[in-house]
Amino acid sequence: MSPGDRLQMLLEFTKNHPNDPFALYGLAMEYKNRGRLEDAAERFGALILAHPEYTPAYLHAGNTQVELGHRDQARSIYQAGIAACARKGDAHAQSELQTALSSL
């Protein structure tokens, strides 16, 4: 599948399944991987707002903000993610987020 086809497929899937956090995450990651960081940041933000318990989103959302030069936003995202992980009991993701926060 070509990258253009993959993006189109993800856009169509999220349109048809707007409440599926995995689909929203996949689209955000596709934008991030393409270097479309503003689009990725927007999608990660919407995902976290709609599904704050979806802990995998926080690390990549924060990393995207770091790449954009927005360290304060990244810090806030990492901190929110650490709290979400604590509530969910996701120690692995919490550890990754703590490492990322410490590296700022």
PDB file of N, CA and C in Angstrom:
ATOM      1  N   MET A   1       0.856  -1.180   0.000  1.00  0.00           N
ATOM      2  CA  MET A   1       0.000   0.000   0.000  1.00  0.00           C
ATOM      3  C   MET A   1       0.899   1.238   0.000  1.00  0.00           C
ATOM      4  N   SER A   2       0.607   2.157  -0.862  1.00  0.00           N
ATOM      5  CA  SER A   2       1.404   3.377  -0.933  1.00  0.00           C
ATOM      6  C   SER A   2       1.051   4.285   0.240  1.00  0.00           C
ATOM      7  N   PRO A   3       1.983   5.178   0.603  1.00  0.00           N
ATOM      8  CA  PRO A   3       1.700   6.098   1.718  1.00  0.00           C
ATOM      9  C   PRO A   3       0.433   6.924   1.497  1.00  0.00           C
ATOM     10  N   GLY A   4       0.213   7.362   0.255  1.00  0.00           N
ATOM     11  CA  GLY A   4      -0.987   8.146  -0.041  1.00  0.00           C
ATOM     12  C   GLY A   4      -2.250   7.339   0.168  1.00  0.00           C
ATOM     13  N   ASP A   5      -2.197   6.054  -0.228  1.00  0.00           N
ATOM     14  CA  ASP A   5      -3.342   5.179  -0.026  1.00  0.00           C
ATOM     15  C   ASP A   5      -3.602   4.959   1.464  1.00  0.00           C
ATOM     16  N   ARG A   6      -2.517   4.805   2.239  1.00  0.00           N
ATOM     17  CA  ARG A   6      -2.656   4.573   3.676  1.00  0.00           C
ATOM     18  C   ARG A   6      -3.312   5.784   4.344  1.00  0.00           C
ATOM     19  N   LEU A   7      -2.862   6.973   3.991  1.00  0.00           N
ATOM     20  CA  LEU A   7      -3.460   8.177   4.573  1.00  0.00           C
ATOM     21  C   LEU A   7      -4.934   8.269   4.203  1.00  0.00           C
ATOM     22  N   GLN A   8      -5.244   8.027   2.944  1.00  0.00           N
ATOM     23  CA  GLN A   8      -6.635   8.099   2.499  1.00  0.00           C
ATOM     24  C   GLN A   8      -7.493   7.070   3.227  1.00  0.00           C
ATOM     25  N   MET A   9      -6.957   5.860   3.412  1.00  0.00           N
ATOM     26  CA  MET A   9      -7.679   4.808   4.119  1.00  0.00           C
ATOM     27  C   MET A   9      -7.953   5.233   5.573  1.00  0.00           C
ATOM     28  N   LEU A  10      -6.940   5.803   6.234  1.00  0.00           N
ATOM     29  CA  LEU A  10      -7.108   6.232   7.623  1.00  0.00           C
ATOM     30  C   LEU A  10      -8.105   7.381   7.738  1.00  0.00           C
ATOM     31  N   LEU A  11      -8.053   8.320   6.796  1.00  0.00           N
ATOM     32  CA  LEU A  11      -9.021   9.423   6.800  1.00  0.00           C
ATOM     33  C   LEU A  11     -10.441   8.889   6.640  1.00  0.00           C
ATOM     34  N   GLU A  12     -10.621   7.954   5.729  1.00  0.00           N
ATOM     35  CA  GLU A  12     -11.944   7.379   5.497  1.00  0.00           C
ATOM     36  C   GLU A  12     -12.403   6.582   6.727  1.00  0.00           C
ATOM     37  N   PHE A  13     -11.510   5.813   7.303  1.00  0.00           N
ATOM     38  CA  PHE A  13     -11.865   5.005   8.462  1.00  0.00           C
ATOM     39  C   PHE A  13     -12.267   5.884   9.640  1.00  0.00           C
ATOM     40  N   THR A  14     -11.510   6.950   9.885  1.00  0.00           N
ATOM     41  CA  THR A  14     -11.857   7.827  11.014  1.00  0.00           C
ATOM     42  C   THR A  14     -13.149   8.589  10.743  1.00  0.00           C
ATOM     43  N   LYS A  15     -13.417   8.849   9.479  1.00  0.00           N
ATOM     44  CA  LYS A  15     -14.690   9.498   9.142  1.00  0.00           C
ATOM     45  C   LYS A  15     -15.857   8.569   9.466  1.00  0.00           C
ATOM     46  N   ASN A  16     -15.682   7.282   9.161  1.00  0.00           N
ATOM     47  CA  ASN A  16     -16.740   6.305   9.396  1.00  0.00           C
ATOM     48  C   ASN A  16     -16.788   5.804  10.845  1.00  0.00           C
ATOM     49  N   HIS A  17     -15.688   5.960  11.574  1.00  0.00           N
ATOM     50  CA  HIS A  17     -15.594   5.496  12.967  1.00  0.00           C
ATOM     51  C   HIS A  17     -14.984   6.604  13.829  1.00  0.00           C
ATOM     52  N   PRO A  18     -15.687   7.716  13.962  1.00  0.00           N
ATOM     53  CA  PRO A  18     -15.092   8.873  14.638  1.00  0.00           C
ATOM     54  C   PRO A  18     -14.820   8.675  16.131  1.00  0.00           C
ATOM     55  N   ASN A  19     -15.378   7.645  16.731  1.00  0.00           N
ATOM     56  CA  ASN A  19     -15.172   7.412  18.158  1.00  0.00           C
ATOM     57  C   ASN A  19     -14.217   6.271  18.446  1.00  0.00           C
ATOM     58  N   ASP A  20     -13.510   5.803  17.433  1.00  0.00           N
ATOM     59  CA  ASP A  20     -12.562   4.704  17.603  1.00  0.00           C
ATOM     60  C   ASP A  20     -11.185   5.291  17.925  1.00  0.00           C
ATOM     61  N   PRO A  21     -10.728   5.188  19.181  1.00  0.00           N
ATOM     62  CA  PRO A  21      -9.458   5.824  19.537  1.00  0.00           C
ATOM     63  C   PRO A  21      -8.260   5.237  18.787  1.00  0.00           C
ATOM     64  N   PHE A  22      -8.282   3.956  18.474  1.00  0.00           N
ATOM     65  CA  PHE A  22      -7.167   3.358  17.751  1.00  0.00           C
ATOM     66  C   PHE A  22      -7.064   3.934  16.343  1.00  0.00           C
ATOM     67  N   ALA A  23      -8.200   4.162  15.699  1.00  0.00           N
ATOM     68  CA  ALA A  23      -8.196   4.761  14.365  1.00  0.00           C
ATOM     69  C   ALA A  23      -7.683   6.199  14.421  1.00  0.00           C
ATOM     70  N   LEU A  24      -8.129   6.941  15.414  1.00  0.00           N
ATOM     71  CA  LEU A  24      -7.672   8.325  15.575  1.00  0.00           C
ATOM     72  C   LEU A  24      -6.172   8.368  15.845  1.00  0.00           C
ATOM     73  N   TYR A  25      -5.696   7.444  16.653  1.00  0.00           N
ATOM     74  CA  TYR A  25      -4.265   7.329  16.949  1.00  0.00           C
ATOM     75  C   TYR A  25      -3.481   6.998  15.680  1.00  0.00           C
ATOM     76  N   GLY A  26      -4.001   6.062  14.887  1.00  0.00           N
ATOM     77  CA  GLY A  26      -3.338   5.692  13.638  1.00  0.00           C
ATOM     78  C   GLY A  26      -3.213   6.865  12.691  1.00  0.00           C
ATOM     79  N   LEU A  27      -4.248   7.674  12.595  1.00  0.00           N
ATOM     80  CA  LEU A  27      -4.203   8.850  11.721  1.00  0.00           C
ATOM     81  C   LEU A  27      -3.195   9.870  12.240  1.00  0.00           C
ATOM     82  N   ALA A  28      -3.205  10.120  13.534  1.00  0.00           N
ATOM     83  CA  ALA A  28      -2.244  11.061  14.124  1.00  0.00           C
ATOM     84  C   ALA A  28      -0.815  10.583  13.879  1.00  0.00           C
ATOM     85  N   MET A  29      -0.586   9.288  14.058  1.00  0.00           N
ATOM     86  CA  MET A  29       0.753   8.735  13.835  1.00  0.00           C
ATOM     87  C   MET A  29       1.159   8.835  12.365  1.00  0.00           C
ATOM     88  N   GLU A  30       0.214   8.628  11.470  1.00  0.00           N
ATOM     89  CA  GLU A  30       0.527   8.742  10.035  1.00  0.00           C
ATOM     90  C   GLU A  30       0.975  10.166   9.711  1.00  0.00           C
ATOM     91  N   TYR A  31       0.266  11.153  10.240  1.00  0.00           N
ATOM     92  CA  TYR A  31       0.682  12.542  10.032  1.00  0.00           C
ATOM     93  C   TYR A  31       2.068  12.790  10.639  1.00  0.00           C
ATOM     94  N   LYS A  32       2.295  12.281  11.837  1.00  0.00           N
ATOM     95  CA  LYS A  32       3.589  12.472  12.491  1.00  0.00           C
ATOM     96  C   LYS A  32       4.710  11.845  11.659  1.00  0.00           C
ATOM     97  N   ASN A  33       4.487  10.637  11.209  1.00  0.00           N
ATOM     98  CA  ASN A  33       5.497   9.937  10.421  1.00  0.00           C
ATOM     99  C   ASN A  33       5.781  10.613   9.079  1.00  0.00           C
ATOM    100  N   ARG A  34       4.825  11.359   8.575  1.00  0.00           N
ATOM    101  CA  ARG A  34       4.997  12.096   7.322  1.00  0.00           C
ATOM    102  C   ARG A  34       5.630  13.475   7.549  1.00  0.00           C
ATOM    103  N   GLY A  35       5.859  13.820   8.809  1.00  0.00           N
ATOM    104  CA  GLY A  35       6.423  15.131   9.105  1.00  0.00           C
ATOM    105  C   GLY A  35       5.390  16.242   9.125  1.00  0.00           C
ATOM    106  N   ARG A  36       4.132  15.894   9.083  1.00  0.00           N
ATOM    107  CA  ARG A  36       3.049  16.881   9.145  1.00  0.00           C
ATOM    108  C   ARG A  36       2.701  17.083  10.620  1.00  0.00           C
ATOM    109  N   LEU A  37       3.622  17.746  11.311  1.00  0.00           N
ATOM    110  CA  LEU A  37       3.552  17.819  12.770  1.00  0.00           C
ATOM    111  C   LEU A  37       2.369  18.622  13.284  1.00  0.00           C
ATOM    112  N   GLU A  38       2.017  19.695  12.615  1.00  0.00           N
ATOM    113  CA  GLU A  38       0.854  20.483  13.059  1.00  0.00           C
ATOM    114  C   GLU A  38      -0.418  19.641  12.962  1.00  0.00           C
ATOM    115  N   ASP A  39      -0.566  18.909  11.851  1.00  0.00           N
ATOM    116  CA  ASP A  39      -1.727  18.028  11.701  1.00  0.00           C
ATOM    117  C   ASP A  39      -1.708  16.940  12.766  1.00  0.00           C
ATOM    118  N   ALA A  40      -0.533  16.373  13.015  1.00  0.00           N
ATOM    119  CA  ALA A  40      -0.406  15.335  14.034  1.00  0.00           C
ATOM    120  C   ALA A  40      -0.782  15.881  15.407  1.00  0.00           C
ATOM    121  N   ALA A  41      -0.269  17.054  15.744  1.00  0.00           N
ATOM    122  CA  ALA A  41      -0.556  17.660  17.050  1.00  0.00           C
ATOM    123  C   ALA A  41      -2.051  17.896  17.214  1.00  0.00           C
ATOM    124  N   GLU A  42      -2.692  18.364  16.158  1.00  0.00           N
ATOM    125  CA  GLU A  42      -4.134  18.606  16.205  1.00  0.00           C
ATOM    126  C   GLU A  42      -4.887  17.302  16.439  1.00  0.00           C
ATOM    127  N   ARG A  43      -4.497  16.247  15.741  1.00  0.00           N
ATOM    128  CA  ARG A  43      -5.172  14.946  15.871  1.00  0.00           C
ATOM    129  C   ARG A  43      -4.915  14.317  17.236  1.00  0.00           C
ATOM    130  N   PHE A  44      -3.678  14.406  17.719  1.00  0.00           N
ATOM    131  CA  PHE A  44      -3.397  13.876  19.058  1.00  0.00           C
ATOM    132  C   PHE A  44      -4.202  14.635  20.104  1.00  0.00           C
ATOM    133  N   GLY A  45      -4.287  15.946  19.973  1.00  0.00           N
ATOM    134  CA  GLY A  45      -5.049  16.752  20.920  1.00  0.00           C
ATOM    135  C   GLY A  45      -6.514  16.363  20.949  1.00  0.00           C
ATOM    136  N   ALA A  46      -7.096  16.169  19.773  1.00  0.00           N
ATOM    137  CA  ALA A  46      -8.499  15.766  19.688  1.00  0.00           C
ATOM    138  C   ALA A  46      -8.696  14.373  20.284  1.00  0.00           C
ATOM    139  N   LEU A  47      -7.752  13.482  20.023  1.00  0.00           N
ATOM    140  CA  LEU A  47      -7.830  12.127  20.567  1.00  0.00           C
ATOM    141  C   LEU A  47      -7.799  12.149  22.094  1.00  0.00           C
ATOM    142  N   ILE A  48      -6.853  12.888  22.655  1.00  0.00           N
ATOM    143  CA  ILE A  48      -6.729  12.944  24.115  1.00  0.00           C
ATOM    144  C   ILE A  48      -7.955  13.610  24.748  1.00  0.00           C
ATOM    145  N   LEU A  49      -8.481  14.603  24.095  1.00  0.00           N
ATOM    146  CA  LEU A  49      -9.682  15.267  24.613  1.00  0.00           C
ATOM    147  C   LEU A  49     -10.871  14.303  24.630  1.00  0.00           C
ATOM    148  N   ALA A  50     -11.036  13.547  23.558  1.00  0.00           N
ATOM    149  CA  ALA A  50     -12.172  12.635  23.448  1.00  0.00           C
ATOM    150  C   ALA A  50     -11.974  11.342  24.236  1.00  0.00           C
ATOM    151  N   HIS A  51     -10.716  10.907  24.358  1.00  0.00           N
ATOM    152  CA  HIS A  51     -10.414   9.616  24.995  1.00  0.00           C
ATOM    153  C   HIS A  51      -9.219   9.769  25.940  1.00  0.00           C
ATOM    154  N   PRO A  52      -9.401  10.470  27.053  1.00  0.00           N
ATOM    155  CA  PRO A  52      -8.269  10.720  27.946  1.00  0.00           C
ATOM    156  C   PRO A  52      -7.663   9.448  28.547  1.00  0.00           C
ATOM    157  N   GLU A  53      -8.374   8.340  28.483  1.00  0.00           N
ATOM    158  CA  GLU A  53      -7.860   7.082  29.004  1.00  0.00           C
ATOM    159  C   GLU A  53      -6.985   6.341  27.993  1.00  0.00           C
ATOM    160  N   TYR A  54      -6.902   6.838  26.771  1.00  0.00           N
ATOM    161  CA  TYR A  54      -6.106   6.172  25.731  1.00  0.00           C
ATOM    162  C   TYR A  54      -4.642   6.579  25.915  1.00  0.00           C
ATOM    163  N   THR A  55      -3.979   5.884  26.810  1.00  0.00           N
ATOM    164  CA  THR A  55      -2.642   6.288  27.260  1.00  0.00           C
ATOM    165  C   THR A  55      -1.554   6.258  26.194  1.00  0.00           C
ATOM    166  N   PRO A  56      -1.621   5.413  25.148  1.00  0.00           N
ATOM    167  CA  PRO A  56      -0.534   5.453  24.156  1.00  0.00           C
ATOM    168  C   PRO A  56      -0.397   6.809  23.449  1.00  0.00           C
ATOM    169  N   ALA A  57      -1.449   7.589  23.433  1.00  0.00           N
ATOM    170  CA  ALA A  57      -1.419   8.857  22.701  1.00  0.00           C
ATOM    171  C   ALA A  57      -0.526   9.913  23.349  1.00  0.00           C
ATOM    172  N   TYR A  58      -0.387   9.869  24.655  1.00  0.00           N
ATOM    173  CA  TYR A  58       0.295  10.954  25.359  1.00  0.00           C
ATOM    174  C   TYR A  58       1.775  11.074  24.999  1.00  0.00           C
ATOM    175  N   LEU A  59       2.471   9.965  24.905  1.00  0.00           N
ATOM    176  CA  LEU A  59       3.904  10.037  24.611  1.00  0.00           C
ATOM    177  C   LEU A  59       4.139  10.645  23.238  1.00  0.00           C
ATOM    178  N   HIS A  60       3.426  10.172  22.237  1.00  0.00           N
ATOM    179  CA  HIS A  60       3.632  10.694  20.887  1.00  0.00           C
ATOM    180  C   HIS A  60       3.099  12.116  20.745  1.00  0.00           C
ATOM    181  N   ALA A  61       2.040  12.427  21.469  1.00  0.00           N
ATOM    182  CA  ALA A  61       1.526  13.802  21.450  1.00  0.00           C
ATOM    183  C   ALA A  61       2.563  14.752  22.034  1.00  0.00           C
ATOM    184  N   GLY A  62       3.144  14.370  23.160  1.00  0.00           N
ATOM    185  CA  GLY A  62       4.182  15.201  23.771  1.00  0.00           C
ATOM    186  C   GLY A  62       5.420  15.296  22.901  1.00  0.00           C
ATOM    187  N   ASN A  63       5.833  14.162  22.329  1.00  0.00           N
ATOM    188  CA  ASN A  63       7.007  14.176  21.453  1.00  0.00           C
ATOM    189  C   ASN A  63       6.795  15.067  20.240  1.00  0.00           C
ATOM    190  N   THR A  64       5.573  15.073  19.723  1.00  0.00           N
ATOM    191  CA  THR A  64       5.258  15.946  18.583  1.00  0.00           C
ATOM    192  C   THR A  64       5.405  17.406  18.991  1.00  0.00           C
ATOM    193  N   GLN A  65       4.935  17.746  20.186  1.00  0.00           N
ATOM    194  CA  GLN A  65       5.076  19.127  20.665  1.00  0.00           C
ATOM    195  C   GLN A  65       6.553  19.494  20.837  1.00  0.00           C
ATOM    196  N   VAL A  66       7.356  18.553  21.312  1.00  0.00           N
ATOM    197  CA  VAL A  66       8.795  18.806  21.433  1.00  0.00           C
ATOM    198  C   VAL A  66       9.382  19.101  20.057  1.00  0.00           C
ATOM    199  N   GLU A  67       9.029  18.288  19.060  1.00  0.00           N
ATOM    200  CA  GLU A  67       9.533  18.499  17.704  1.00  0.00           C
ATOM    201  C   GLU A  67       9.108  19.849  17.142  1.00  0.00           C
ATOM    202  N   LEU A  68       7.951  20.317  17.567  1.00  0.00           N
ATOM    203  CA  LEU A  68       7.468  21.634  17.127  1.00  0.00           C
ATOM    204  C   LEU A  68       8.104  22.781  17.916  1.00  0.00           C
ATOM    205  N   GLY A  69       8.866  22.434  18.952  1.00  0.00           N
ATOM    206  CA  GLY A  69       9.503  23.456  19.777  1.00  0.00           C
ATOM    207  C   GLY A  69       8.621  23.971  20.903  1.00  0.00           C
ATOM    208  N   HIS A  70       7.559  23.254  21.206  1.00  0.00           N
ATOM    209  CA  HIS A  70       6.600  23.673  22.232  1.00  0.00           C
ATOM    210  C   HIS A  70       6.819  22.852  23.504  1.00  0.00           C
ATOM    211  N   ARG A  71       7.876  23.143  24.193  1.00  0.00           N
ATOM    212  CA  ARG A  71       8.257  22.350  25.375  1.00  0.00           C
ATOM    213  C   ARG A  71       7.244  22.459  26.517  1.00  0.00           C
ATOM    214  N   ASP A  72       6.649  23.626  26.712  1.00  0.00           N
ATOM    215  CA  ASP A  72       5.659  23.770  27.785  1.00  0.00           C
ATOM    216  C   ASP A  72       4.428  22.916  27.519  1.00  0.00           C
ATOM    217  N   GLN A  73       3.968  22.894  26.250  1.00  0.00           N
ATOM    218  CA  GLN A  73       2.830  22.046  25.904  1.00  0.00           C
ATOM    219  C   GLN A  73       3.190  20.572  26.083  1.00  0.00           C
ATOM    220  N   ALA A  74       4.409  20.213  25.679  1.00  0.00           N
ATOM    221  CA  ALA A  74       4.853  18.830  25.851  1.00  0.00           C
ATOM    222  C   ALA A  74       4.844  18.446  27.327  1.00  0.00           C
ATOM    223  N   ARG A  75       5.347  19.332  28.164  1.00  0.00           N
ATOM    224  CA  ARG A  75       5.386  19.075  29.608  1.00  0.00           C
ATOM    225  C   ARG A  75       3.970  18.823  30.144  1.00  0.00           C
ATOM    226  N   SER A  76       3.044  19.656  29.737  1.00  0.00           N
ATOM    227  CA  SER A  76       1.650  19.495  30.184  1.00  0.00           C
ATOM    228  C   SER A  76       1.054  18.174  29.711  1.00  0.00           C
ATOM    229  N   ILE A  77       1.349  17.798  28.489  1.00  0.00           N
ATOM    230  CA  ILE A  77       0.829  16.540  27.943  1.00  0.00           C
ATOM    231  C   ILE A  77       1.438  15.355  28.679  1.00  0.00           C
ATOM    232  N   TYR A  78       2.746  15.388  28.888  1.00  0.00           N
ATOM    233  CA  TYR A  78       3.389  14.295  29.623  1.00  0.00           C
ATOM    234  C   TYR A  78       2.806  14.165  31.023  1.00  0.00           C
ATOM    235  N   GLN A  79       2.604  15.294  31.707  1.00  0.00           N
ATOM    236  CA  GLN A  79       2.056  15.261  33.068  1.00  0.00           C
ATOM    237  C   GLN A  79       0.632  14.703  33.075  1.00  0.00           C
ATOM    238  N   ALA A  80      -0.173  15.132  32.108  1.00  0.00           N
ATOM    239  CA  ALA A  80      -1.541  14.611  32.016  1.00  0.00           C
ATOM    240  C   ALA A  80      -1.519  13.113  31.716  1.00  0.00           C
ATOM    241  N   GLY A  81      -0.592  12.698  30.875  1.00  0.00           N
ATOM    242  CA  GLY A  81      -0.466  11.289  30.549  1.00  0.00           C
ATOM    243  C   GLY A  81      -0.047  10.454  31.744  1.00  0.00           C
ATOM    244  N   ILE A  82       0.871  10.975  32.536  1.00  0.00           N
ATOM    245  CA  ILE A  82       1.298  10.274  33.751  1.00  0.00           C
ATOM    246  C   ILE A  82       0.103  10.079  34.683  1.00  0.00           C
ATOM    247  N   ALA A  83      -0.712  11.099  34.829  1.00  0.00           N
ATOM    248  CA  ALA A  83      -1.908  10.994  35.680  1.00  0.00           C
ATOM    249  C   ALA A  83      -2.897   9.977  35.098  1.00  0.00           C
ATOM    250  N   ALA A  84      -3.089  10.002  33.779  1.00  0.00           N
ATOM    251  CA  ALA A  84      -4.005   9.046  33.139  1.00  0.00           C
ATOM    252  C   ALA A  84      -3.498   7.617  33.322  1.00  0.00           C
ATOM    253  N   CYS A  85      -2.205   7.427  33.184  1.00  0.00           N
ATOM    254  CA  CYS A  85      -1.615   6.096  33.369  1.00  0.00           C
ATOM    255  C   CYS A  85      -1.777   5.609  34.808  1.00  0.00           C
ATOM    256  N   ALA A  86      -1.619   6.516  35.752  1.00  0.00           N
ATOM    257  CA  ALA A  86      -1.783   6.152  37.162  1.00  0.00           C
ATOM    258  C   ALA A  86      -3.220   5.696  37.422  1.00  0.00           C
ATOM    259  N   ARG A  87      -4.184   6.415  36.860  1.00  0.00           N
ATOM    260  CA  ARG A  87      -5.593   6.043  37.026  1.00  0.00           C
ATOM    261  C   ARG A  87      -5.881   4.690  36.385  1.00  0.00           C
ATOM    262  N   LYS A  88      -5.264   4.441  35.248  1.00  0.00           N
ATOM    263  CA  LYS A  88      -5.520   3.215  34.482  1.00  0.00           C
ATOM    264  C   LYS A  88      -4.655   2.045  34.947  1.00  0.00           C
ATOM    265  N   GLY A  89      -3.589   2.330  35.657  1.00  0.00           N
ATOM    266  CA  GLY A  89      -2.685   1.272  36.089  1.00  0.00           C
ATOM    267  C   GLY A  89      -1.733   0.824  34.993  1.00  0.00           C
ATOM    268  N   ASP A  90      -1.404   1.740  34.083  1.00  0.00           N
ATOM    269  CA  ASP A  90      -0.507   1.445  32.959  1.00  0.00           C
ATOM    270  C   ASP A  90       0.909   1.874  33.340  1.00  0.00           C
ATOM    271  N   ALA A  91       1.604   1.005  34.072  1.00  0.00           N
ATOM    272  CA  ALA A  91       2.928   1.349  34.592  1.00  0.00           C
ATOM    273  C   ALA A  91       3.965   1.519  33.490  1.00  0.00           C
ATOM    274  N   HIS A  92       3.868   0.739  32.424  1.00  0.00           N
ATOM    275  CA  HIS A  92       4.849   0.832  31.338  1.00  0.00           C
ATOM    276  C   HIS A  92       4.784   2.204  30.664  1.00  0.00           C
ATOM    277  N   ALA A  93       3.583   2.594  30.242  1.00  0.00           N
ATOM    278  CA  ALA A  93       3.428   3.904  29.596  1.00  0.00           C
ATOM    279  C   ALA A  93       3.772   5.027  30.568  1.00  0.00           C
ATOM    280  N   GLN A  94       3.412   4.863  31.834  1.00  0.00           N
ATOM    281  CA  GLN A  94       3.725   5.879  32.839  1.00  0.00           C
ATOM    282  C   GLN A  94       5.239   6.065  32.956  1.00  0.00           C
ATOM    283  N   SER A  95       5.977   4.980  32.928  1.00  0.00           N
ATOM    284  CA  SER A  95       7.435   5.042  33.001  1.00  0.00           C
ATOM    285  C   SER A  95       8.018   5.752  31.783  1.00  0.00           C
ATOM    286  N   GLU A  96       7.503   5.448  30.607  1.00  0.00           N
ATOM    287  CA  GLU A  96       7.975   6.114  29.384  1.00  0.00           C
ATOM    288  C   GLU A  96       7.699   7.615  29.428  1.00  0.00           C
ATOM    289  N   LEU A  97       6.535   7.968  29.921  1.00  0.00           N
ATOM    290  CA  LEU A  97       6.173   9.388  30.022  1.00  0.00           C
ATOM    291  C   LEU A  97       7.033  10.101  31.052  1.00  0.00           C
ATOM    292  N   GLN A  98       7.319   9.440  32.169  1.00  0.00           N
ATOM    293  CA  GLN A  98       8.174  10.041  33.195  1.00  0.00           C
ATOM    294  C   GLN A  98       9.571  10.272  32.638  1.00  0.00           C
ATOM    295  N   THR A  99      10.090   9.323  31.862  1.00  0.00           N
ATOM    296  CA  THR A  99      11.400   9.482  31.231  1.00  0.00           C
ATOM    297  C   THR A  99      11.392  10.666  30.265  1.00  0.00           C
ATOM    298  N   ALA A 100      10.341  10.762  29.456  1.00  0.00           N
ATOM    299  CA  ALA A 100      10.242  11.870  28.515  1.00  0.00           C
ATOM    300  C   ALA A 100      10.152  13.209  29.245  1.00  0.00           C
ATOM    301  N   LEU A 101       9.372  13.256  30.319  1.00  0.00           N
ATOM    302  CA  LEU A 101       9.238  14.485  31.104  1.00  0.00           C
ATOM    303  C   LEU A 101      10.582  14.871  31.720  1.00  0.00           C
ATOM    304  N   SER A 102      11.299  13.903  32.225  1.00  0.00           N
ATOM    305  CA  SER A 102      12.606  14.176  32.833  1.00  0.00           C
ATOM    306  C   SER A 102      13.629  14.681  31.834  1.00  0.00           C
ATOM    307  N   SER A 103      13.443  14.334  30.571  1.00  0.00           N
ATOM    308  CA  SER A 103      14.409  14.742  29.540  1.00  0.00           C
ATOM    309  C   SER A 103      14.181  16.158  29.026  1.00  0.00           C
ATOM    310  N   LEU A 104      13.076  16.784  29.427  1.00  0.00           N
ATOM    311  CA  LEU A 104      12.802  18.164  28.961  1.00  0.00           C
ATOM    312  C   LEU A 104      13.731  19.163  29.624  1.00  0.00           C
TER     313      LEU A 104
END
